[in-house]
Amino acid sequence: MDVCCIHRLRLVSFDTNGKVICNRTSGYQILSLEKDQEQVVMNLDSRLLVFPLYICCNFLYTSPEKRAESEGQVESPDT
């Protein structure tokens, strides 16, 4: 069974004075993954990255069947 995931990744890196030197976000993306499937969601340039890195991840998991049911209910004027 496929798993549907809506996600957003944000990565921030600071210099020694606390100034942001790298700020990247993937924006909201929708993925439909099968078991053991991998997907690249952000490519990073190692020349711009300084540790420590702050990484924020937002995930919303839903099954495709539930999403299709919800979309059908919203589109139906009879309900």
Protein backbone atom coordinates (compact mmCIF):
# COMPACT_ATOMS: atom_id res chain seq x y z
CA MET A 1 0.00 0.00 0.00
CA ASP A 2 1.25 3.48 -0.86
CA VAL A 3 1.71 6.08 1.84
CA CYS A 4 1.00 9.69 1.02
CA CYS A 5 3.11 12.28 2.79
CA ILE A 6 2.90 16.05 2.72
CA HIS A 7 6.13 17.49 4.04
CA ARG A 8 8.25 20.59 4.38
CA LEU A 9 11.93 20.71 5.37
CA ARG A 10 13.77 23.80 6.54
CA LEU A 11 17.49 24.03 7.16
CA VAL A 12 19.23 26.98 8.83
CA SER A 13 22.93 27.47 9.54
CA PHE A 14 24.44 30.30 11.62
CA ASP A 15 27.93 31.77 11.85
CA THR A 16 29.72 32.21 15.20
CA ASN A 17 27.97 35.57 15.76
CA GLY A 18 24.51 34.08 15.31
CA LYS A 19 23.96 35.55 11.84
CA VAL A 20 22.08 33.33 9.37
CA ILE A 21 24.44 32.21 6.60
CA CYS A 22 22.27 29.56 4.98
CA ASN A 23 18.48 29.31 5.00
CA ARG A 24 16.83 26.71 2.75
CA THR A 25 13.29 25.35 2.60
CA SER A 26 11.79 22.68 0.40
CA GLY A 27 8.34 24.26 0.45
CA TYR A 28 5.36 21.98 0.83
CA GLN A 29 5.64 18.84 -1.29
CA ILE A 30 3.36 15.84 -1.73
CA LEU A 31 4.93 12.40 -2.03
CA SER A 32 3.36 9.03 -2.61
CA LEU A 33 5.79 6.32 -1.55
CA GLU A 34 5.74 2.55 -1.71
CA LYS A 35 7.43 0.29 0.83
CA ASP A 36 11.23 0.81 0.99
CA GLN A 37 11.11 3.57 -1.65
CA GLU A 38 13.44 6.55 -1.22
CA GLN A 39 13.03 10.08 -2.54
CA VAL A 40 15.42 13.06 -2.48
CA VAL A 41 13.61 16.11 -1.10
CA MET A 42 16.46 18.62 -0.88
CA ASN A 43 19.97 18.84 -2.34
CA LEU A 44 22.48 20.79 -0.31
CA ASP A 45 25.76 22.46 -1.24
CA SER A 46 28.30 21.36 1.37
CA ARG A 47 30.37 24.52 0.75
CA LEU A 48 27.57 26.65 2.26
CA LEU A 49 26.87 24.48 5.27
CA VAL A 50 28.45 25.15 8.65
CA PHE A 51 27.69 23.05 11.71
CA PRO A 52 25.62 23.15 13.79
CA LEU A 53 22.68 22.87 11.40
CA TYR A 54 19.13 23.41 12.54
CA ILE A 55 16.71 21.18 10.64
CA CYS A 56 12.95 21.53 11.01
CA CYS A 57 10.70 18.86 9.55
CA ASN A 58 6.93 18.97 9.19
CA PHE A 59 5.14 15.79 8.09
CA LEU A 60 1.52 14.91 7.49
CA TYR A 61 0.85 11.27 6.64
CA THR A 62 -2.36 10.07 5.05
CA SER A 63 -3.44 7.08 3.01
CA PRO A 64 -4.42 7.67 -0.64
CA GLU A 65 -7.81 6.01 -0.01
CA LYS A 66 -8.69 8.43 2.79
CA ARG A 67 -7.57 11.39 0.71
CA ALA A 68 -9.70 10.27 -2.26
CA GLU A 69 -12.72 9.82 0.03
CA SER A 70 -12.24 13.30 1.51
CA GLU A 71 -11.85 14.91 -1.91
CA GLY A 72 -15.00 13.15 -3.11
CA GLN A 73 -16.97 14.45 -0.12
CA VAL A 74 -15.79 18.00 -0.68
CA GLU A 75 -16.66 17.95 -4.39
CA SER A 76 -20.10 16.38 -3.91
CA PRO A 77 -22.86 19.05 -3.56
CA ASP A 78 -25.30 16.46 -2.09
CA THR A 79 -23.41 16.03 1.22
